[in-house]
């Protein structure tokens, strides 16, 4: 299913590089397999799935849902390219307040797993991008919120992004009082995991 697994600097967040199947018709990519994700102890009880279509220089984010409607996400870009960003909001985490950046694209077909308690957003680098989300909780308007896109020092590639009115008015990170607690994660050995993948054991 995957040929490479990359750890983020943020505990519990991973980038997966899929094994792409190509022939004269095009390509086939598997995004999700419950046995694989369960084998590395990730929450993948998917309850909703959706996609967004965005234009170049759009920034969406930085979004999350508050408890008890917090979500983990499995995200991929199926058309175009995006700069995808996660920010750790979990009190007690060794990377609290820090961010990590990934470049997701249809060509690479890489997939990002984002655990609960992280803010998420992205900037569209191509003329158009379609981004697919699989999430572990249903949407709750009362719990849907975020922090300002420019309040944690992220080096966005655009100075004047296209933003929603909601995203323009999100609170800055320094004013955000987090309800998220760091629960710790199993220290996954990526080399052993790759041995299992290559051996077709998962």
Protein backbone atom coordinates (compact mmCIF):
# COMPACT_ATOMS: atom_id res chain seq x y z
CA UNK A 1 0.00 0.00 0.00
CA UNK A 2 2.79 2.44 0.96
CA UNK A 3 6.43 2.43 -0.09
CA UNK A 4 7.62 5.06 2.36
CA UNK A 5 6.57 6.42 5.77
CA UNK A 6 7.92 9.74 7.03
CA UNK A 7 7.56 11.00 10.59
CA UNK A 8 6.74 14.63 11.22
CA UNK A 9 8.60 16.57 13.88
CA UNK A 10 5.18 16.65 15.57
CA UNK A 11 4.40 13.40 17.45
CA UNK A 12 1.64 11.31 15.92
CA UNK A 13 1.71 13.04 12.51
CA UNK A 14 2.89 11.07 9.46
CA UNK A 15 3.37 11.43 5.72
CA UNK A 16 2.73 8.28 3.68
CA UNK A 17 4.13 7.81 0.17
CA UNK A 18 1.86 5.32 -1.66
CA UNK A 19 2.72 2.54 -4.02
CA UNK A 20 1.21 3.98 -7.22
CA UNK A 21 -0.16 1.52 -9.78
CA UNK A 22 0.11 2.86 -13.33
CA UNK A 23 -0.77 1.47 -16.75
CA UNK A 24 -2.07 2.70 -20.12
CA UNK A 25 -5.33 3.82 -18.50
CA UNK A 26 -3.74 6.08 -15.88
CA UNK A 27 -3.04 5.45 -12.20
CA UNK A 28 -4.55 3.85 -9.10
CA UNK A 29 -3.77 4.94 -5.52
CA UNK A 30 -5.10 3.41 -2.30
CA UNK A 31 -5.67 6.11 0.31
CA UNK A 32 -7.01 4.12 3.23
CA UNK A 33 -6.75 0.65 4.70
CA UNK A 34 -8.02 0.10 8.23
CA UNK A 35 -5.62 -2.77 9.00
CA UNK A 36 -2.58 -0.68 8.10
CA UNK A 37 -3.54 2.34 10.19
CA UNK A 38 -4.62 0.18 13.12
CA UNK A 39 -1.28 -1.65 13.00
CA UNK A 40 0.51 1.57 13.90
CA UNK A 41 -2.09 2.55 16.51
CA UNK A 42 -3.57 5.53 14.69
CA UNK A 43 -7.18 6.63 15.11
CA UNK A 44 -8.91 5.89 11.83
CA UNK A 45 -12.55 5.57 12.79
CA UNK A 46 -13.64 7.54 9.71
CA UNK A 47 -17.02 9.26 10.14
CA UNK A 48 -17.01 11.86 7.35
CA UNK A 49 -15.31 12.36 3.99
CA UNK A 50 -15.30 15.46 1.81
CA UNK A 51 -13.23 17.48 -0.66
CA UNK A 52 -12.48 21.12 -1.42
CA UNK A 53 -11.75 22.85 -4.73
CA UNK A 54 -9.56 25.94 -4.38
CA UNK A 55 -7.79 28.43 -6.64
CA UNK A 56 -4.13 29.46 -6.65
CA UNK A 57 -3.05 31.58 -3.65
CA UNK A 58 -6.01 30.47 -1.54
CA UNK A 59 -5.14 29.73 2.08
CA UNK A 60 -7.58 27.64 4.10
CA UNK A 61 -6.89 27.43 7.81
CA UNK A 62 -5.73 27.05 10.38
CA UNK A 63 -8.70 24.86 11.35
CA UNK A 64 -9.69 22.32 14.01
CA UNK A 65 -12.70 21.24 16.06
CA UNK A 66 -12.86 21.59 19.82
CA UNK A 67 -13.56 18.65 22.16
CA UNK A 68 -15.62 16.54 22.28
CA UNK A 69 -15.74 16.88 18.46
CA UNK A 70 -11.98 16.92 17.86
CA UNK A 71 -10.91 15.12 14.68
CA UNK A 72 -7.99 13.26 13.22
CA UNK A 73 -7.63 13.71 9.45
CA UNK A 74 -6.27 11.76 6.51
CA UNK A 75 -5.58 14.34 3.79
CA UNK A 76 -4.43 14.08 0.18
CA UNK A 77 -4.35 16.32 -2.89
CA UNK A 78 -5.89 14.61 -5.95
CA UNK A 79 -5.43 17.53 -8.36
CA UNK A 80 -2.72 20.18 -8.30
CA UNK A 81 -0.31 20.92 -5.45
CA UNK A 82 -0.59 22.47 -2.00
CA UNK A 83 1.68 23.53 0.83
CA UNK A 84 0.05 21.78 3.78
CA UNK A 85 0.73 22.90 7.36
CA UNK A 86 -0.02 21.47 10.80
CA UNK A 87 0.41 23.22 14.17
CA UNK A 88 0.60 21.37 17.48
CA UNK A 89 -1.99 22.71 19.97
CA UNK A 90 -1.70 19.96 22.59
CA UNK A 91 -0.70 21.13 26.04
CA UNK A 92 2.25 19.09 27.29
CA UNK A 93 3.45 18.12 23.82
CA UNK A 94 7.20 18.51 23.20
CA UNK A 95 6.29 20.43 20.02
CA UNK A 96 3.46 22.58 21.40
CA UNK A 97 3.09 25.74 19.29
CA UNK A 98 5.41 24.43 16.56
CA UNK A 99 4.45 23.76 12.96
CA UNK A 100 5.50 21.36 10.22
CA UNK A 101 5.14 21.74 6.44
CA UNK A 102 4.39 19.15 3.77
CA UNK A 103 3.98 19.51 0.03
CA UNK A 104 1.07 17.37 -1.15
CA UNK A 105 0.42 16.84 -4.84
CA UNK A 106 -1.57 14.70 -7.23
CA UNK A 107 1.65 13.69 -8.98
CA UNK A 108 3.30 12.43 -5.79
CA UNK A 109 -0.03 11.23 -4.30
CA UNK A 110 1.38 11.53 -0.79
CA UNK A 111 -1.01 11.30 2.15
CA UNK A 112 -0.89 13.14 5.46
CA UNK A 113 -2.19 11.73 8.74
CA UNK A 114 -3.01 14.49 11.25
CA UNK A 115 -3.89 13.47 14.83
CA UNK A 116 -6.43 15.20 17.07
CA UNK A 117 -5.26 18.43 18.67
CA UNK A 118 -3.46 19.86 15.64
CA UNK A 119 -4.54 22.90 13.64
CA UNK A 120 -4.49 22.30 9.88
CA UNK A 121 -4.34 24.52 6.84
CA UNK A 122 -2.87 24.81 3.37
CA UNK A 123 -1.96 27.19 0.55
CA UNK A 124 -2.71 26.33 -3.08
CA UNK A 125 0.42 26.43 -5.26
CA UNK A 126 -1.12 25.29 -8.57
CA UNK A 127 -3.81 27.02 -10.62
CA UNK A 128 -6.39 24.78 -8.93
CA UNK A 129 -6.25 22.11 -6.25
CA UNK A 130 -8.68 19.45 -5.10
CA UNK A 131 -8.04 18.24 -1.56
CA UNK A 132 -9.72 15.16 -0.04
CA UNK A 133 -10.28 14.80 3.71
CA UNK A 134 -11.27 11.68 5.66
CA UNK A 135 -12.06 12.65 9.26
CA UNK A 136 -12.79 10.79 12.48
CA UNK A 137 -15.69 12.91 13.72
CA UNK A 138 -18.73 14.60 12.23
CA UNK A 139 -18.81 18.33 11.57
CA UNK A 140 -20.06 20.44 14.47
CA UNK A 141 -20.62 24.12 13.75
CA UNK A 142 -20.47 24.98 17.45
CA UNK A 143 -17.05 23.33 17.81
CA UNK A 144 -15.54 24.37 14.47
CA UNK A 145 -12.87 27.05 14.90
CA UNK A 146 -9.21 27.82 14.30
CA UNK A 147 -6.31 30.23 14.73
CA UNK A 148 -5.14 32.94 12.34
CA UNK A 149 -3.05 31.72 9.42
CA UNK A 150 -0.32 34.32 10.06
CA UNK A 151 0.00 34.05 13.85
CA UNK A 152 2.55 31.25 14.31
CA UNK A 153 5.37 32.31 11.97
CA UNK A 154 4.63 29.98 9.07
CA UNK A 155 6.58 31.02 5.91
CA UNK A 156 3.59 31.09 3.57
CA UNK A 157 4.54 31.53 -0.11
CA UNK A 158 2.02 34.35 -0.69
CA UNK A 159 1.76 37.75 1.01
CA UNK A 160 -1.85 38.54 0.14
CA UNK A 161 -3.72 35.24 0.11
CA UNK A 162 -7.34 34.69 -0.81
CA UNK A 163 -9.11 34.07 2.52
CA UNK A 164 -12.63 33.49 3.74
CA UNK A 165 -14.13 36.09 6.04
CA UNK A 166 -14.18 33.47 8.77
CA UNK A 167 -10.45 32.78 8.43
CA UNK A 168 -9.61 36.50 8.42
CA UNK A 169 -11.27 36.85 11.81
CA UNK A 170 -9.92 33.81 13.63
CA UNK A 171 -8.05 34.57 16.88
CA UNK A 172 -4.28 34.75 16.95
CA UNK A 173 -2.42 31.81 18.44
CA UNK A 174 -1.18 33.87 21.40
CA UNK A 175 -4.79 34.44 22.49
CA UNK A 176 -5.84 30.82 22.10
CA UNK A 177 -6.37 28.82 25.31
CA UNK A 178 -6.01 25.20 24.31
CA UNK A 179 -8.39 22.49 25.52
CA UNK A 180 -6.20 19.79 23.95
CA UNK A 181 -3.95 17.60 26.10
CA UNK A 182 -0.99 15.63 24.86
CA UNK A 183 -1.58 11.94 25.50
CA UNK A 184 1.72 10.65 24.22
CA UNK A 185 2.29 8.34 21.29
CA UNK A 186 3.96 5.01 20.79
CA UNK A 187 7.46 5.58 19.42
CA UNK A 188 6.86 3.94 16.05
CA UNK A 189 9.99 2.46 14.48
CA UNK A 190 9.67 3.51 10.85
CA UNK A 191 12.39 1.07 9.70
CA UNK A 192 10.56 -1.91 11.22
CA UNK A 193 7.31 -0.65 9.79
CA UNK A 194 8.84 -0.46 6.31
CA UNK A 195 10.12 -4.02 6.67
CA UNK A 196 6.53 -5.13 7.30
CA UNK A 197 5.22 -3.12 4.35
CA UNK A 198 7.84 -4.48 1.96
CA UNK A 199 7.19 -7.99 3.24
CA UNK A 200 3.49 -7.51 2.52
CA UNK A 201 2.61 -8.29 6.12
CA UNK A 202 0.45 -5.14 6.33
